[in-house]
PDB file of N, CA and C in Angstrom:
ATOM      1  N   GLY A   1     106.564 -39.444-128.801  1.00  0.00           N
ATOM      2  CA  GLY A   1     107.419 -39.958-129.808  1.00  0.00           C
ATOM      3  C   GLY A   1     106.815 -41.065-130.639  1.00  0.00           C
ATOM      4  N   GLU A   2     105.554 -40.961-131.061  1.00  0.00           N
ATOM      5  CA  GLU A   2     104.974 -41.967-131.948  1.00  0.00           C
ATOM      6  C   GLU A   2     104.995 -41.450-133.380  1.00  0.00           C
ATOM      7  N   ILE A   3     105.179 -42.347-134.339  1.00  0.00           N
ATOM      8  CA  ILE A   3     105.150 -41.999-135.752  1.00  0.00           C
ATOM      9  C   ILE A   3     103.932 -42.649-136.371  1.00  0.00           C
ATOM     10  N   MET A   4     103.157 -41.860-137.116  1.00  0.00           N
ATOM     11  CA  MET A   4     101.941 -42.377-137.747  1.00  0.00           C
ATOM     12  C   MET A   4     101.957 -42.015-139.219  1.00  0.00           C
ATOM     13  N   GLY A   5     101.457 -42.916-140.029  1.00  0.00           N
ATOM     14  CA  GLY A   5     101.274 -42.613-141.438  1.00  0.00           C
ATOM     15  C   GLY A   5      99.958 -41.870-141.612  1.00  0.00           C
ATOM     16  N   LEU A   6      99.955 -40.909-142.500  1.00  0.00           N
ATOM     17  CA  LEU A   6      98.776 -40.081-142.718  1.00  0.00           C
ATOM     18  C   LEU A   6      98.019 -40.586-143.937  1.00  0.00           C
ATOM     19  N   HIS A   7      96.720 -40.527-143.877  1.00  0.00           N
ATOM     20  CA  HIS A   7      95.876 -40.875-145.012  1.00  0.00           C
ATOM     21  C   HIS A   7      94.709 -39.895-145.043  1.00  0.00           C
ATOM     22  N   PRO A   8      94.077 -39.706-146.220  1.00  0.00           N
ATOM     23  CA  PRO A   8      92.953 -38.767-146.293  1.00  0.00           C
ATOM     24  C   PRO A   8      91.857 -39.144-145.298  1.00  0.00           C
ATOM     25  N   GLY A   9      91.360 -38.166-144.571  1.00  0.00           N
ATOM     26  CA  GLY A   9      90.318 -38.411-143.585  1.00  0.00           C
ATOM     27  C   GLY A   9      90.851 -38.823-142.219  1.00  0.00           C
ATOM     28  N   PHE A  10      92.172 -38.839-142.037  1.00  0.00           N
ATOM     29  CA  PHE A  10      92.783 -39.207-140.758  1.00  0.00           C
ATOM     30  C   PHE A  10      92.252 -38.275-139.674  1.00  0.00           C
ATOM     31  N   ILE A  11      91.672 -38.844-138.631  1.00  0.00           N
ATOM     32  CA  ILE A  11      91.062 -38.069-137.552  1.00  0.00           C
ATOM     33  C   ILE A  11      92.059 -37.876-136.413  1.00  0.00           C
ATOM     34  N   LEU A  12      92.194 -36.636-135.970  1.00  0.00           N
ATOM     35  CA  LEU A  12      92.992 -36.338-134.793  1.00  0.00           C
ATOM     36  C   LEU A  12      92.039 -36.307-133.607  1.00  0.00           C
ATOM     37  N   GLY A  13      92.005 -37.399-132.848  1.00  0.00           N
ATOM     38  CA  GLY A  13      91.112 -37.502-131.702  1.00  0.00           C
ATOM     39  C   GLY A  13      90.731 -38.931-131.406  1.00  0.00           C
ATOM     40  N   LYS A  14      89.902 -39.089-130.369  1.00  0.00           N
ATOM     41  CA  LYS A  14      89.489 -40.425-129.930  1.00  0.00           C
ATOM     42  C   LYS A  14      88.672 -41.183-130.960  1.00  0.00           C
ATOM     43  N   ASP A  15      88.044 -40.480-131.915  1.00  0.00           N
ATOM     44  CA  ASP A  15      87.275 -41.165-132.949  1.00  0.00           C
ATOM     45  C   ASP A  15      88.162 -41.834-133.995  1.00  0.00           C
ATOM     46  N   ASN A  16      89.467 -41.657-133.894  1.00  0.00           N
ATOM     47  CA  ASN A  16      90.404 -42.338-134.782  1.00  0.00           C
ATOM     48  C   ASN A  16      90.333 -43.836-134.475  1.00  0.00           C
ATOM     49  N   PRO A  17      90.255 -44.680-135.505  1.00  0.00           N
ATOM     50  CA  PRO A  17      90.138 -46.122-135.248  1.00  0.00           C
ATOM     51  C   PRO A  17      91.383 -46.761-134.642  1.00  0.00           C
ATOM     52  N   TRP A  18      92.473 -46.002-134.551  1.00  0.00           N
ATOM     53  CA  TRP A  18      93.690 -46.510-133.917  1.00  0.00           C
ATOM     54  C   TRP A  18      93.357 -46.771-132.450  1.00  0.00           C
ATOM     55  N   PRO A  19      93.429 -48.004-131.959  1.00  0.00           N
ATOM     56  CA  PRO A  19      92.871 -48.367-130.656  1.00  0.00           C
ATOM     57  C   PRO A  19      93.662 -47.941-129.428  1.00  0.00           C
ATOM     58  N   SER A  20      94.892 -47.528-129.579  1.00  0.00           N
ATOM     59  CA  SER A  20      95.673 -47.190-128.384  1.00  0.00           C
ATOM     60  C   SER A  20      96.585 -46.018-128.705  1.00  0.00           C
ATOM     61  N   GLY A  21      97.439 -45.691-127.778  1.00  0.00           N
ATOM     62  CA  GLY A  21      98.390 -44.612-128.006  1.00  0.00           C
ATOM     63  C   GLY A  21      97.881 -43.282-127.489  1.00  0.00           C
ATOM     64  N   ALA A  22      98.477 -42.217-128.000  1.00  0.00           N
ATOM     65  CA  ALA A  22      98.231 -40.869-127.493  1.00  0.00           C
ATOM     66  C   ALA A  22      96.778 -40.433-127.610  1.00  0.00           C
ATOM     67  N   PHE A  23      96.059 -40.899-128.623  1.00  0.00           N
ATOM     68  CA  PHE A  23      94.685 -40.447-128.812  1.00  0.00           C
ATOM     69  C   PHE A  23      93.735 -40.983-127.748  1.00  0.00           C
ATOM     70  N   SER A  24      94.172 -41.937-126.964  1.00  0.00           N
ATOM     71  CA  SER A  24      93.301 -42.506-125.933  1.00  0.00           C
ATOM     72  C   SER A  24      93.360 -41.729-124.613  1.00  0.00           C
ATOM     73  N   GLN A  25      94.204 -40.715-124.524  1.00  0.00           N
ATOM     74  CA  GLN A  25      94.318 -39.936-123.287  1.00  0.00           C
ATOM     75  C   GLN A  25      93.008 -39.212-122.995  1.00  0.00           C
ATOM     76  N   ARG A  26      92.654 -39.094-121.720  1.00  0.00           N
ATOM     77  CA  ARG A  26      91.351 -38.540-121.327  1.00  0.00           C
ATOM     78  C   ARG A  26      91.157 -37.084-121.731  1.00  0.00           C
ATOM     79  N   TYR A  27      92.226 -36.318-121.873  1.00  0.00           N
ATOM     80  CA  TYR A  27      92.096 -34.902-122.223  1.00  0.00           C
ATOM     81  C   TYR A  27      91.885 -34.681-123.727  1.00  0.00           C
ATOM     82  N   ILE A  28      91.979 -35.728-124.533  1.00  0.00           N
ATOM     83  CA  ILE A  28      91.795 -35.614-125.978  1.00  0.00           C
ATOM     84  C   ILE A  28      90.306 -35.705-126.307  1.00  0.00           C
ATOM     85  N   SER A  29      89.823 -34.781-127.138  1.00  0.00           N
ATOM     86  CA  SER A  29      88.419 -34.794-127.578  1.00  0.00           C
ATOM     87  C   SER A  29      88.208 -35.899-128.606  1.00  0.00           C
ATOM     88  N   HIS A  30      86.954 -36.181-128.904  1.00  0.00           N
ATOM     89  CA  HIS A  30      86.657 -37.213-129.900  1.00  0.00           C
ATOM     90  C   HIS A  30      87.164 -36.801-131.277  1.00  0.00           C
ATOM     91  N   GLN A  31      87.028 -35.529-131.617  1.00  0.00           N
ATOM     92  CA  GLN A  31      87.564 -35.045-132.885  1.00  0.00           C
ATOM     93  C   GLN A  31      88.088 -33.623-132.725  1.00  0.00           C
ATOM     94  N   HIS A  32      89.387 -33.500-132.803  1.00  0.00           N
ATOM     95  CA  HIS A  32      89.982 -32.161-132.858  1.00  0.00           C
ATOM     96  C   HIS A  32      89.970 -31.685-134.311  1.00  0.00           C
ATOM     97  N   GLY A  33      89.943 -32.630-135.236  1.00  0.00           N
ATOM     98  CA  GLY A  33      89.910 -32.294-136.649  1.00  0.00           C
ATOM     99  C   GLY A  33      90.312 -33.483-137.490  1.00  0.00           C
ATOM    100  N   ALA A  34      90.412 -33.234-138.807  1.00  0.00           N
ATOM    101  CA  ALA A  34      90.778 -34.299-139.741  1.00  0.00           C
ATOM    102  C   ALA A  34      91.713 -33.738-140.803  1.00  0.00           C
ATOM    103  N   PHE A  35      92.538 -34.609-141.341  1.00  0.00           N
ATOM    104  CA  PHE A  35      93.450 -34.248-142.414  1.00  0.00           C
ATOM    105  C   PHE A  35      92.783 -34.569-143.744  1.00  0.00           C
ATOM    106  N   LEU A  36      92.751 -33.589-144.619  1.00  0.00           N
ATOM    107  CA  LEU A  36      92.116 -33.736-145.917  1.00  0.00           C
ATOM    108  C   LEU A  36      93.173 -33.627-147.006  1.00  0.00           C
ATOM    109  N   LEU A  37      93.054 -34.452-148.036  1.00  0.00           N
ATOM    110  CA  LEU A  37      93.986 -34.386-149.163  1.00  0.00           C
ATOM    111  C   LEU A  37      93.343 -33.584-150.282  1.00  0.00           C
ATOM    112  N   THR A  38      94.008 -32.505-150.693  1.00  0.00           N
ATOM    113  CA  THR A  38      93.521 -31.658-151.778  1.00  0.00           C
ATOM    114  C   THR A  38      94.588 -31.628-152.875  1.00  0.00           C
ATOM    115  N   GLU A  39      94.296 -30.951-153.963  1.00  0.00           N
ATOM    116  CA  GLU A  39      95.281 -30.855-155.054  1.00  0.00           C
ATOM    117  C   GLU A  39      96.582 -30.213-154.584  1.00  0.00           C
ATOM    118  N   GLY A  40      96.486 -29.312-153.609  1.00  0.00           N
ATOM    119  CA  GLY A  40      97.670 -28.623-153.100  1.00  0.00           C
ATOM    120  C   GLY A  40      98.404 -29.370-152.011  1.00  0.00           C
ATOM    121  N   GLY A  41      97.886 -30.500-151.594  1.00  0.00           N
ATOM    122  CA  GLY A  41      98.503 -31.284-150.524  1.00  0.00           C
ATOM    123  C   GLY A  41      97.539 -31.453-149.362  1.00  0.00           C
ATOM    124  N   TYR A  42      98.052 -31.923-148.245  1.00  0.00           N
ATOM    125  CA  TYR A  42      97.211 -32.123-147.061  1.00  0.00           C
ATOM    126  C   TYR A  42      96.895 -30.794-146.397  1.00  0.00           C
ATOM    127  N   ARG A  43      95.668 -30.696-145.874  1.00  0.00           N
ATOM    128  CA  ARG A  43      95.213 -29.575-145.055  1.00  0.00           C
ATOM    129  C   ARG A  43      94.610 -30.178-143.789  1.00  0.00           C
ATOM    130  N   PHE A  44      94.479 -29.361-142.765  1.00  0.00           N
ATOM    131  CA  PHE A  44      93.828 -29.791-141.529  1.00  0.00           C
ATOM    132  C   PHE A  44      92.546 -28.988-141.369  1.00  0.00           C
ATOM    133  N   LEU A  45      91.430 -29.688-141.179  1.00  0.00           N
ATOM    134  CA  LEU A  45      90.125 -29.058-140.967  1.00  0.00           C
ATOM    135  C   LEU A  45      89.731 -29.277-139.512  1.00  0.00           C
ATOM    136  N   ALA A  46      89.593 -28.187-138.768  1.00  0.00           N
ATOM    137  CA  ALA A  46      89.293 -28.277-137.336  1.00  0.00           C
ATOM    138  C   ALA A  46      87.843 -28.668-137.087  1.00  0.00           C
ATOM    139  N   SER A  47      87.655 -29.482-136.064  1.00  0.00           N
ATOM    140  CA  SER A  47      86.325 -29.867-135.580  1.00  0.00           C
ATOM    141  C   SER A  47      86.107 -29.195-134.230  1.00  0.00           C
ATOM    142  N   ARG A  48      84.925 -29.395-133.691  1.00  0.00           N
ATOM    143  CA  ARG A  48      84.623 -28.869-132.360  1.00  0.00           C
ATOM    144  C   ARG A  48      85.310 -29.755-131.331  1.00  0.00           C
ATOM    145  N   SER A  49      86.114 -29.165-130.494  1.00  0.00           N
ATOM    146  CA  SER A  49      86.795 -29.935-129.450  1.00  0.00           C
ATOM    147  C   SER A  49      86.609 -29.244-128.107  1.00  0.00           C
ATOM    148  N   THR A  50      86.521 -30.026-127.075  1.00  0.00           N
ATOM    149  CA  THR A  50      86.317 -29.495-125.730  1.00  0.00           C
ATOM    150  C   THR A  50      87.528 -28.714-125.231  1.00  0.00           C
ATOM    151  N   ASN A  51      88.722 -29.231-125.496  1.00  0.00           N
ATOM    152  CA  ASN A  51      89.938 -28.646-124.929  1.00  0.00           C
ATOM    153  C   ASN A  51      90.760 -27.833-125.915  1.00  0.00           C
ATOM    154  N   GLY A  52      90.217 -27.542-127.082  1.00  0.00           N
ATOM    155  CA  GLY A  52      90.880 -26.653-128.027  1.00  0.00           C
ATOM    156  C   GLY A  52      91.934 -27.309-128.903  1.00  0.00           C
ATOM    157  N   THR A  53      92.208 -26.629-130.018  1.00  0.00           N
ATOM    158  CA  THR A  53      93.196 -27.067-130.996  1.00  0.00           C
ATOM    159  C   THR A  53      93.930 -25.842-131.501  1.00  0.00           C
ATOM    160  N   THR A  54      95.248 -25.971-131.676  1.00  0.00           N
ATOM    161  CA  THR A  54      96.028 -24.881-132.251  1.00  0.00           C
ATOM    162  C   THR A  54      96.777 -25.380-133.478  1.00  0.00           C
ATOM    163  N   PHE A  55      97.035 -24.439-134.377  1.00  0.00           N
ATOM    164  CA  PHE A  55      97.859 -24.702-135.553  1.00  0.00           C
ATOM    165  C   PHE A  55      98.999 -23.707-135.518  1.00  0.00           C
ATOM    166  N   ASN A  56     100.215 -24.216-135.431  1.00  0.00           N
ATOM    167  CA  ASN A  56     101.405 -23.362-135.300  1.00  0.00           C
ATOM    168  C   ASN A  56     101.218 -22.298-134.223  1.00  0.00           C
ATOM    169  N   HIS A  57     100.724 -22.754-133.076  1.00  0.00           N
ATOM    170  CA  HIS A  57     100.580 -21.955-131.852  1.00  0.00           C
ATOM    171  C   HIS A  57      99.459 -20.914-131.896  1.00  0.00           C
ATOM    172  N   ARG A  58      98.559 -21.024-132.871  1.00  0.00           N
ATOM    173  CA  ARG A  58      97.396 -20.126-132.937  1.00  0.00           C
ATOM    174  C   ARG A  58      96.130 -20.964-132.898  1.00  0.00           C
ATOM    175  N   SER A  59      95.130 -20.484-132.177  1.00  0.00           N
ATOM    176  CA  SER A  59      93.863 -21.214-132.085  1.00  0.00           C
ATOM    177  C   SER A  59      93.253 -21.395-133.463  1.00  0.00           C
ATOM    178  N   ILE A  60      92.696 -22.584-133.675  1.00  0.00           N
ATOM    179  CA  ILE A  60      91.963 -22.866-134.904  1.00  0.00           C
ATOM    180  C   ILE A  60      90.594 -23.385-134.469  1.00  0.00           C
ATOM    181  N   LEU A  61      89.553 -22.790-134.989  1.00  0.00           N
ATOM    182  CA  LEU A  61      88.197 -23.074-134.539  1.00  0.00           C
ATOM    183  C   LEU A  61      87.469 -24.020-135.478  1.00  0.00           C
ATOM    184  N   GLU A  62      86.397 -24.599-134.988  1.00  0.00           N
ATOM    185  CA  GLU A  62      85.580 -25.523-135.766  1.00  0.00           C
ATOM    186  C   GLU A  62      85.251 -24.945-137.136  1.00  0.00           C
ATOM    187  N   GLY A  63      85.493 -25.740-138.159  1.00  0.00           N
ATOM    188  CA  GLY A  63      85.194 -25.335-139.524  1.00  0.00           C
ATOM    189  C   GLY A  63      86.322 -24.599-140.223  1.00  0.00           C
ATOM    190  N   GLN A  64      87.343 -24.184-139.476  1.00  0.00           N
ATOM    191  CA  GLN A  64      88.477 -23.513-140.099  1.00  0.00           C
ATOM    192  C   GLN A  64      89.450 -24.543-140.655  1.00  0.00           C
ATOM    193  N   SER A  65      90.079 -24.181-141.769  1.00  0.00           N
ATOM    194  CA  SER A  65      91.029 -25.065-142.421  1.00  0.00           C
ATOM    195  C   SER A  65      92.362 -24.349-142.556  1.00  0.00           C
ATOM    196  N   THR A  66      93.435 -25.108-142.462  1.00  0.00           N
ATOM    197  CA  THR A  66      94.762 -24.553-142.699  1.00  0.00           C
ATOM    198  C   THR A  66      94.999 -24.477-144.198  1.00  0.00           C
ATOM    199  N   GLY A  67      96.037 -23.814-144.590  1.00  0.00           N
ATOM    200  CA  GLY A  67      96.510 -23.915-145.960  1.00  0.00           C
ATOM    201  C   GLY A  67      97.199 -25.266-146.112  1.00  0.00           C
ATOM    202  N   ALA A  68      97.801 -25.480-147.251  1.00  0.00           N
ATOM    203  CA  ALA A  68      98.530 -26.736-147.463  1.00  0.00           C
ATOM    204  C   ALA A  68      99.614 -26.864-146.391  1.00  0.00           C
ATOM    205  N   LEU A  69      99.670 -28.021-145.766  1.00  0.00           N
ATOM    206  CA  LEU A  69     100.643 -28.236-144.695  1.00  0.00           C
ATOM    207  C   LEU A  69     102.057 -28.299-145.254  1.00  0.00           C
ATOM    208  N   GLU A  70     102.985 -27.761-144.477  1.00  0.00           N
ATOM    209  CA  GLU A  70     104.398 -27.766-144.843  1.00  0.00           C
ATOM    210  C   GLU A  70     105.185 -28.475-143.757  1.00  0.00           C
ATOM    211  N   ASN A  71     106.358 -28.982-144.121  1.00  0.00           N
ATOM    212  CA  ASN A  71     107.189 -29.683-143.146  1.00  0.00           C
ATOM    213  C   ASN A  71     107.389 -28.842-141.897  1.00  0.00           C
ATOM    214  N   GLY A  72     107.154 -29.464-140.748  1.00  0.00           N
ATOM    215  CA  GLY A  72     107.342 -28.794-139.468  1.00  0.00           C
ATOM    216  C   GLY A  72     106.106 -28.123-138.916  1.00  0.00           C
ATOM    217  N   ASP A  73     105.021 -28.010-139.708  1.00  0.00           N
ATOM    218  CA  ASP A  73     103.783 -27.444-139.169  1.00  0.00           C
ATOM    219  C   ASP A  73     103.336 -28.283-137.974  1.00  0.00           C
ATOM    220  N   GLU A  74     102.784 -27.605-136.968  1.00  0.00           N
ATOM    221  CA  GLU A  74     102.395 -28.300-135.737  1.00  0.00           C
ATOM    222  C   GLU A  74     100.926 -28.062-135.414  1.00  0.00           C
ATOM    223  N   ILE A  75     100.238 -29.141-135.134  1.00  0.00           N
ATOM    224  CA  ILE A  75      98.868 -29.090-134.640  1.00  0.00           C
ATOM    225  C   ILE A  75      98.915 -29.611-133.218  1.00  0.00           C
ATOM    226  N   CYS A  76      98.321 -28.858-132.303  1.00  0.00           N
ATOM    227  CA  CYS A  76      98.355 -29.244-130.895  1.00  0.00           C
ATOM    228  C   CYS A  76      96.927 -29.409-130.390  1.00  0.00           C
ATOM    229  N   ALA A  77      96.650 -30.571-129.832  1.00  0.00           N
ATOM    230  CA  ALA A  77      95.333 -30.887-129.287  1.00  0.00           C
ATOM    231  C   ALA A  77      95.380 -30.761-127.775  1.00  0.00           C
ATOM    232  N   ALA A  78      94.452 -29.989-127.228  1.00  0.00           N
ATOM    233  CA  ALA A  78      94.294 -29.825-125.784  1.00  0.00           C
ATOM    234  C   ALA A  78      95.535 -29.257-125.106  1.00  0.00           C
ATOM    235  N   GLY A  79      96.374 -28.594-125.860  1.00  0.00           N
ATOM    236  CA  GLY A  79      97.582 -28.003-125.285  1.00  0.00           C
ATOM    237  C   GLY A  79      98.622 -29.011-124.852  1.00  0.00           C
ATOM    238  N   LYS A  80      98.409 -30.303-125.155  1.00  0.00           N
ATOM    239  CA  LYS A  80      99.328 -31.342-124.687  1.00  0.00           C
ATOM    240  C   LYS A  80      99.844 -32.265-125.790  1.00  0.00           C
ATOM    241  N   LEU A  81      98.977 -32.643-126.716  1.00  0.00           N
ATOM    242  CA  LEU A  81      99.363 -33.593-127.760  1.00  0.00           C
ATOM    243  C   LEU A  81      99.808 -32.814-128.991  1.00  0.00           C
ATOM    244  N   ARG A  82     101.104 -32.827-129.248  1.00  0.00           N
ATOM    245  CA  ARG A  82     101.659 -32.089-130.379  1.00  0.00           C
ATOM    246  C   ARG A  82     101.893 -33.042-131.544  1.00  0.00           C
ATOM    247  N   VAL A  83     101.355 -32.656-132.696  1.00  0.00           N
ATOM    248  CA  VAL A  83     101.501 -33.462-133.910  1.00  0.00           C
ATOM    249  C   VAL A  83     102.242 -32.605-134.928  1.00  0.00           C
ATOM    250  N   LYS A  84     103.397 -33.087-135.370  1.00  0.00           N
ATOM    251  CA  LYS A  84     104.181 -32.368-136.379  1.00  0.00           C
ATOM    252  C   LYS A  84     104.002 -33.067-137.718  1.00  0.00           C
ATOM    253  N   TYR A  85     103.860 -32.259-138.769  1.00  0.00           N
ATOM    254  CA  TYR A  85     103.674 -32.775-140.117  1.00  0.00           C
ATOM    255  C   TYR A  85     105.013 -32.794-140.851  1.00  0.00           C
ATOM    256  N   TYR A  86     105.339 -33.949-141.430  1.00  0.00           N
ATOM    257  CA  TYR A  86     106.517 -34.084-142.283  1.00  0.00           C
ATOM    258  C   TYR A  86     106.152 -34.937-143.484  1.00  0.00           C
ATOM    259  N   ALA A  87     106.477 -34.439-144.660  1.00  0.00           N
ATOM    260  CA  ALA A  87     106.263 -35.210-145.884  1.00  0.00           C
ATOM    261  C   ALA A  87     107.553 -35.962-146.171  1.00  0.00           C
ATOM    262  N   VAL A  88     107.422 -37.259-146.395  1.00  0.00           N
ATOM    263  CA  VAL A  88     108.578 -38.100-146.674  1.00  0.00           C
ATOM    264  C   VAL A  88     108.384 -38.705-148.052  1.00  0.00           C
ATOM    265  N   LYS A  89     109.372 -38.554-148.890  1.00  0.00           N
ATOM    266  CA  LYS A  89     109.308 -39.111-150.237  1.00  0.00           C
ATOM    267  C   LYS A  89     110.074 -40.427-150.236  1.00  0.00           C
ATOM    268  N   LEU A  90     109.387 -41.488-150.603  1.00  0.00           N
ATOM    269  CA  LEU A  90     110.008 -42.804-150.624  1.00  0.00           C
ATOM    270  C   LEU A  90     110.660 -43.054-151.983  1.00  0.00           C
ATOM    271  N   GLN A  91     111.776 -43.754-151.952  1.00  0.00           N
ATOM    272  CA  GLN A  91     112.482 -44.108-153.179  1.00  0.00           C
ATOM    273  C   GLN A  91     112.436 -45.603-153.368  1.00  0.00           C
ATOM    274  N   GLU A  92     112.351 -46.007-154.621  1.00  0.00           N
ATOM    275  CA  GLU A  92     112.417 -47.425-154.934  1.00  0.00           C
ATOM    276  C   GLU A  92     113.886 -47.856-154.962  1.00  0.00           C
ATOM    277  N   GLU A  93     114.140 -49.064-154.491  1.00  0.00           N
ATOM    278  CA  GLU A  93     115.499 -49.591-154.550  1.00  0.00           C
ATOM    279  C   GLU A  93     115.745 -50.218-155.914  1.00  0.00           C
ATOM    280  N   GLY A  94     117.011 -50.173-156.304  1.00  0.00           N
ATOM    281  CA  GLY A  94     117.410 -50.917-157.486  1.00  0.00           C
ATOM    282  C   GLY A  94     117.396 -50.123-158.679  1.00  0.00           C
TER     283      GLY A  94
END
């Protein structure tokens, strides 16, 4: 139940500069992949991981990229760490 803000180049894995939390678990690889910002929105580019990575319950291999992410898409690292993508539009007050 952690919430993280996404930014271009966000790494899913221990190589993420975030010092604690779910990415520090021993079963997480250094890089399961990274989130890339393209004209069509965010995509996930898989890296080589020891314990595997899935996108919407299907294996995604090193070098493979998803299409533009949509609300509810799920990336799972090592079969244990589930990351759901949600785009939130912020409104200005006043």
